[in-house]
N, C-alpha and C. Protein backbone atom coordinates (compact mmCIF):
# COMPACT_ATOMS: atom_id res chain seq x y z
N ASP A 1 49.26 38.65 -59.40
CA ASP A 1 50.56 38.14 -59.77
C ASP A 1 51.03 37.21 -58.66
N VAL A 2 51.62 36.14 -59.02
CA VAL A 2 52.10 35.17 -58.05
C VAL A 2 53.61 35.12 -58.15
N TYR A 3 54.27 35.30 -57.02
CA TYR A 3 55.72 35.28 -56.96
C TYR A 3 56.16 34.18 -56.01
N LYS A 4 57.33 33.65 -56.23
CA LYS A 4 57.88 32.65 -55.33
C LYS A 4 59.21 33.16 -54.80
N ARG A 5 59.36 33.12 -53.48
CA ARG A 5 60.63 33.50 -52.88
C ARG A 5 61.60 32.35 -53.02
N GLN A 6 62.88 32.65 -52.90
CA GLN A 6 63.89 31.61 -52.94
C GLN A 6 63.68 30.64 -51.78
N ILE A 7 63.09 31.11 -50.71
CA ILE A 7 62.80 30.26 -49.57
C ILE A 7 61.70 29.29 -50.00
N PRO A 8 61.96 27.99 -49.95
CA PRO A 8 60.95 27.02 -50.42
C PRO A 8 59.63 27.17 -49.67
N GLY A 9 58.55 27.08 -50.41
CA GLY A 9 57.23 27.08 -49.81
C GLY A 9 56.67 28.44 -49.45
N VAL A 10 57.29 29.52 -49.90
CA VAL A 10 56.77 30.86 -49.61
C VAL A 10 56.47 31.56 -50.93
N VAL A 11 55.23 32.04 -51.06
CA VAL A 11 54.82 32.74 -52.27
C VAL A 11 54.25 34.10 -51.89
N LYS A 12 54.31 35.02 -52.82
CA LYS A 12 53.72 36.35 -52.66
C LYS A 12 52.60 36.45 -53.69
N ILE A 13 51.44 36.84 -53.23
CA ILE A 13 50.31 37.01 -54.13
C ILE A 13 49.88 38.46 -54.03
N GLY A 14 50.07 39.19 -55.11
CA GLY A 14 49.75 40.60 -55.12
C GLY A 14 49.29 41.03 -56.49
N ARG A 15 49.12 42.32 -56.63
CA ARG A 15 48.72 42.84 -57.94
C ARG A 15 49.62 44.01 -58.31
N SER A 16 49.80 44.16 -59.60
CA SER A 16 50.68 45.19 -60.11
C SER A 16 50.34 45.45 -61.57
N SER A 17 50.48 46.68 -61.99
CA SER A 17 50.26 46.98 -63.40
C SER A 17 51.46 46.53 -64.23
N ASN A 18 52.61 46.33 -63.58
CA ASN A 18 53.81 45.87 -64.28
C ASN A 18 54.52 44.86 -63.38
N PRO A 19 54.15 43.57 -63.47
CA PRO A 19 54.71 42.56 -62.58
C PRO A 19 56.23 42.44 -62.61
N GLU A 20 56.83 42.56 -63.77
CA GLU A 20 58.30 42.44 -63.85
C GLU A 20 58.98 43.59 -63.10
N ASN A 21 58.50 44.81 -63.27
CA ASN A 21 59.07 45.93 -62.52
C ASN A 21 58.85 45.77 -61.03
N ARG A 22 57.68 45.30 -60.64
CA ARG A 22 57.38 45.07 -59.23
C ARG A 22 58.32 44.02 -58.65
N LYS A 23 58.56 42.96 -59.38
CA LYS A 23 59.48 41.92 -58.94
C LYS A 23 60.87 42.49 -58.71
N ARG A 24 61.36 43.26 -59.66
CA ARG A 24 62.69 43.87 -59.52
C ARG A 24 62.75 44.80 -58.32
N SER A 25 61.70 45.58 -58.13
CA SER A 25 61.65 46.51 -57.00
C SER A 25 61.69 45.76 -55.67
N LEU A 26 60.89 44.73 -55.54
CA LEU A 26 60.87 43.94 -54.31
C LEU A 26 62.21 43.25 -54.08
N GLN A 27 62.75 42.69 -55.12
CA GLN A 27 63.99 41.93 -55.01
C GLN A 27 65.16 42.83 -54.64
N ALA A 28 65.14 44.08 -55.09
CA ALA A 28 66.25 44.99 -54.82
C ALA A 28 66.44 45.25 -53.34
N SER A 29 65.37 45.19 -52.57
CA SER A 29 65.47 45.50 -51.14
C SER A 29 65.50 44.24 -50.28
N GLN A 30 65.64 43.08 -50.88
CA GLN A 30 65.61 41.82 -50.14
C GLN A 30 66.88 41.02 -50.40
N ASN A 31 67.09 40.02 -49.58
CA ASN A 31 68.28 39.17 -49.77
C ASN A 31 67.90 37.81 -50.37
N PHE A 32 66.90 37.81 -51.21
CA PHE A 32 66.49 36.58 -51.87
C PHE A 32 66.10 36.88 -53.30
N ARG A 33 66.08 35.84 -54.11
CA ARG A 33 65.63 35.97 -55.50
C ARG A 33 64.15 35.65 -55.57
N MET A 34 63.49 36.32 -56.48
CA MET A 34 62.07 36.05 -56.71
C MET A 34 61.88 35.60 -58.14
N HIS A 35 60.88 34.79 -58.35
CA HIS A 35 60.53 34.30 -59.68
C HIS A 35 59.05 34.59 -59.90
N LEU A 36 58.73 35.22 -61.00
CA LEU A 36 57.34 35.45 -61.36
C LEU A 36 56.79 34.14 -61.92
N LEU A 37 55.78 33.59 -61.25
CA LEU A 37 55.23 32.31 -61.68
C LEU A 37 54.09 32.48 -62.66
N ALA A 38 53.25 33.50 -62.45
CA ALA A 38 52.12 33.71 -63.35
C ALA A 38 51.54 35.09 -63.09
N ALA A 39 50.88 35.62 -64.10
CA ALA A 39 50.16 36.88 -63.98
C ALA A 39 48.75 36.66 -64.53
N PHE A 40 47.79 37.34 -63.95
CA PHE A 40 46.40 37.21 -64.34
C PHE A 40 45.88 38.60 -64.69
N PRO A 41 46.15 39.09 -65.90
CA PRO A 41 45.75 40.45 -66.29
C PRO A 41 44.25 40.68 -66.10
N GLY A 42 43.92 41.79 -65.47
CA GLY A 42 42.54 42.15 -65.28
C GLY A 42 41.86 41.46 -64.11
N ALA A 43 42.59 40.69 -63.33
CA ALA A 43 41.99 39.96 -62.21
C ALA A 43 42.47 40.47 -60.85
N GLY A 44 43.10 41.62 -60.82
CA GLY A 44 43.62 42.15 -59.56
C GLY A 44 42.57 42.38 -58.49
N HIS A 45 41.34 42.61 -58.90
CA HIS A 45 40.27 42.84 -57.93
C HIS A 45 39.99 41.61 -57.06
N MET A 46 40.49 40.46 -57.47
CA MET A 46 40.27 39.24 -56.70
C MET A 46 41.32 39.02 -55.62
N GLU A 47 42.32 39.88 -55.57
CA GLU A 47 43.40 39.72 -54.60
C GLU A 47 42.89 39.57 -53.17
N PRO A 48 42.00 40.44 -52.66
CA PRO A 48 41.55 40.27 -51.27
C PRO A 48 40.87 38.92 -51.02
N ARG A 49 40.12 38.44 -51.99
CA ARG A 49 39.44 37.14 -51.85
C ARG A 49 40.47 36.02 -51.72
N VAL A 50 41.49 36.05 -52.56
CA VAL A 50 42.53 35.01 -52.51
C VAL A 50 43.29 35.11 -51.20
N HIS A 51 43.61 36.33 -50.76
CA HIS A 51 44.31 36.51 -49.49
C HIS A 51 43.48 35.94 -48.33
N ASN A 52 42.17 36.15 -48.36
CA ASN A 52 41.31 35.61 -47.30
C ASN A 52 41.33 34.09 -47.30
N MET A 53 41.34 33.49 -48.48
CA MET A 53 41.37 32.02 -48.57
C MET A 53 42.66 31.45 -48.01
N LEU A 54 43.73 32.21 -48.14
CA LEU A 54 45.05 31.73 -47.70
C LEU A 54 45.48 32.32 -46.36
N ALA A 55 44.58 32.99 -45.66
CA ALA A 55 44.92 33.66 -44.40
C ALA A 55 45.55 32.71 -43.38
N TYR A 56 45.15 31.46 -43.41
CA TYR A 56 45.67 30.48 -42.45
C TYR A 56 47.17 30.22 -42.63
N CYS A 57 47.73 30.56 -43.78
CA CYS A 57 49.15 30.30 -44.02
C CYS A 57 49.93 31.59 -44.27
N ARG A 58 49.35 32.73 -43.88
CA ARG A 58 50.03 34.02 -44.06
C ARG A 58 51.32 34.04 -43.22
N VAL A 59 52.39 34.55 -43.81
CA VAL A 59 53.66 34.72 -43.11
C VAL A 59 53.55 36.01 -42.31
N LEU A 60 53.70 35.91 -41.00
CA LEU A 60 53.47 37.05 -40.13
C LEU A 60 54.74 37.81 -39.77
N ASP A 61 55.90 37.23 -40.03
CA ASP A 61 57.14 37.87 -39.60
C ASP A 61 57.83 38.70 -40.70
N VAL A 62 57.07 39.09 -41.72
CA VAL A 62 57.61 39.94 -42.79
C VAL A 62 56.66 41.11 -42.99
N PRO A 63 57.19 42.24 -43.48
CA PRO A 63 56.30 43.37 -43.76
C PRO A 63 55.32 43.01 -44.87
N GLY A 64 54.13 43.52 -44.77
CA GLY A 64 53.12 43.28 -45.79
C GLY A 64 52.28 42.06 -45.46
N ARG A 65 51.18 41.95 -46.15
CA ARG A 65 50.23 40.85 -45.90
C ARG A 65 50.10 39.94 -47.12
N GLU A 66 51.05 40.02 -48.04
CA GLU A 66 50.93 39.28 -49.30
C GLU A 66 51.81 38.04 -49.38
N TRP A 67 52.49 37.69 -48.29
CA TRP A 67 53.37 36.52 -48.29
C TRP A 67 52.67 35.36 -47.61
N PHE A 68 52.76 34.18 -48.24
CA PHE A 68 52.07 33.00 -47.74
C PHE A 68 53.01 31.81 -47.77
N GLU A 69 53.00 31.04 -46.69
CA GLU A 69 53.80 29.83 -46.64
C GLU A 69 52.91 28.67 -47.06
N CYS A 70 52.94 28.42 -48.37
CA CYS A 70 52.13 27.35 -48.96
C CYS A 70 52.79 26.94 -50.27
N SER A 71 52.34 25.85 -50.80
CA SER A 71 52.87 25.40 -52.08
C SER A 71 52.28 26.25 -53.20
N THR A 72 52.94 26.23 -54.33
CA THR A 72 52.39 26.94 -55.49
C THR A 72 51.06 26.32 -55.90
N GLN A 73 50.91 25.00 -55.70
CA GLN A 73 49.65 24.34 -56.03
C GLN A 73 48.52 24.89 -55.16
N THR A 74 48.79 25.12 -53.88
CA THR A 74 47.78 25.68 -52.98
C THR A 74 47.42 27.09 -53.41
N ALA A 75 48.43 27.89 -53.76
CA ALA A 75 48.18 29.26 -54.22
C ALA A 75 47.33 29.26 -55.48
N PHE A 76 47.69 28.43 -56.45
CA PHE A 76 46.91 28.38 -57.69
C PHE A 76 45.51 27.82 -57.45
N ALA A 77 45.35 26.91 -56.50
CA ALA A 77 44.02 26.39 -56.17
C ALA A 77 43.13 27.50 -55.62
N ALA A 78 43.68 28.35 -54.77
CA ALA A 78 42.91 29.48 -54.22
C ALA A 78 42.52 30.44 -55.33
N ILE A 79 43.44 30.71 -56.24
CA ILE A 79 43.13 31.59 -57.37
C ILE A 79 42.04 30.97 -58.23
N GLY A 80 42.15 29.66 -58.50
CA GLY A 80 41.14 28.97 -59.29
C GLY A 80 39.77 29.00 -58.62
N THR A 81 39.75 28.86 -57.30
CA THR A 81 38.49 28.92 -56.57
C THR A 81 37.88 30.31 -56.67
N ALA A 82 38.71 31.34 -56.53
CA ALA A 82 38.21 32.72 -56.65
C ALA A 82 37.64 32.96 -58.04
N LEU A 83 38.30 32.46 -59.05
CA LEU A 83 37.79 32.60 -60.42
C LEU A 83 36.47 31.85 -60.58
N ALA A 84 36.39 30.66 -60.02
CA ALA A 84 35.16 29.87 -60.14
C ALA A 84 34.01 30.55 -59.40
N GLU A 85 34.30 31.12 -58.23
CA GLU A 85 33.25 31.82 -57.48
C GLU A 85 32.72 33.02 -58.26
N GLU A 86 33.61 33.61 -59.04
CA GLU A 86 33.21 34.75 -59.86
C GLU A 86 32.51 34.27 -61.13
N LYS A 87 32.52 32.96 -61.31
CA LYS A 87 31.93 32.33 -62.50
C LYS A 87 32.55 32.88 -63.78
N THR A 88 33.88 33.00 -63.72
CA THR A 88 34.63 33.51 -64.85
C THR A 88 35.47 32.39 -65.44
N GLU A 89 35.36 32.18 -66.71
CA GLU A 89 36.28 31.26 -67.38
C GLU A 89 37.46 32.12 -67.80
N TYR A 90 38.49 32.07 -67.00
CA TYR A 90 39.63 32.96 -67.22
C TYR A 90 40.64 32.25 -68.10
N THR A 91 40.88 32.78 -69.27
CA THR A 91 41.77 32.11 -70.22
C THR A 91 42.99 32.94 -70.57
N LYS A 92 43.15 34.11 -69.94
CA LYS A 92 44.24 34.99 -70.34
C LYS A 92 45.39 35.03 -69.35
N TRP A 93 45.49 34.09 -68.43
CA TRP A 93 46.61 34.14 -67.52
C TRP A 93 47.87 33.82 -68.29
N ARG A 94 48.99 34.29 -67.79
CA ARG A 94 50.22 34.10 -68.55
C ARG A 94 51.41 33.81 -67.64
N LEU A 95 52.30 33.07 -68.19
CA LEU A 95 53.59 32.84 -67.56
C LEU A 95 54.54 33.90 -68.10
N PRO A 96 55.63 34.16 -67.41
CA PRO A 96 56.57 35.15 -67.93
C PRO A 96 56.97 34.85 -69.37
N GLY A 97 56.81 35.85 -70.22
CA GLY A 97 57.24 35.72 -71.60
C GLY A 97 56.23 35.12 -72.55
N ARG A 98 55.06 34.67 -72.04
CA ARG A 98 54.08 34.12 -72.97
C ARG A 98 52.69 34.13 -72.34
N THR A 99 51.70 34.16 -73.18
CA THR A 99 50.32 34.11 -72.73
C THR A 99 49.80 32.70 -72.92
N ILE A 100 49.09 32.21 -71.95
CA ILE A 100 48.53 30.85 -72.02
C ILE A 100 47.11 30.93 -72.50
């Protein structure tokens, strides 16, 4: 799941069985709004690979290792690369409220 903080250029890349509930839970304890940008059902196992690709832009001054200071395009490029490395044609990713 890819989330964007209200702070420009910061995204959270994590996995959850219920992204909307996870977003609400995270947002409740923070002073910023989050927006769910996309979910990739069944692709949570790729999270460590994507995190490794984006390690150079990891935000170090927040709890957790899932926050990255990068554009959404950079985040989606890393996800696309992980999918390509797995040689998976992934067609079930979805935006909030609809499947693509």
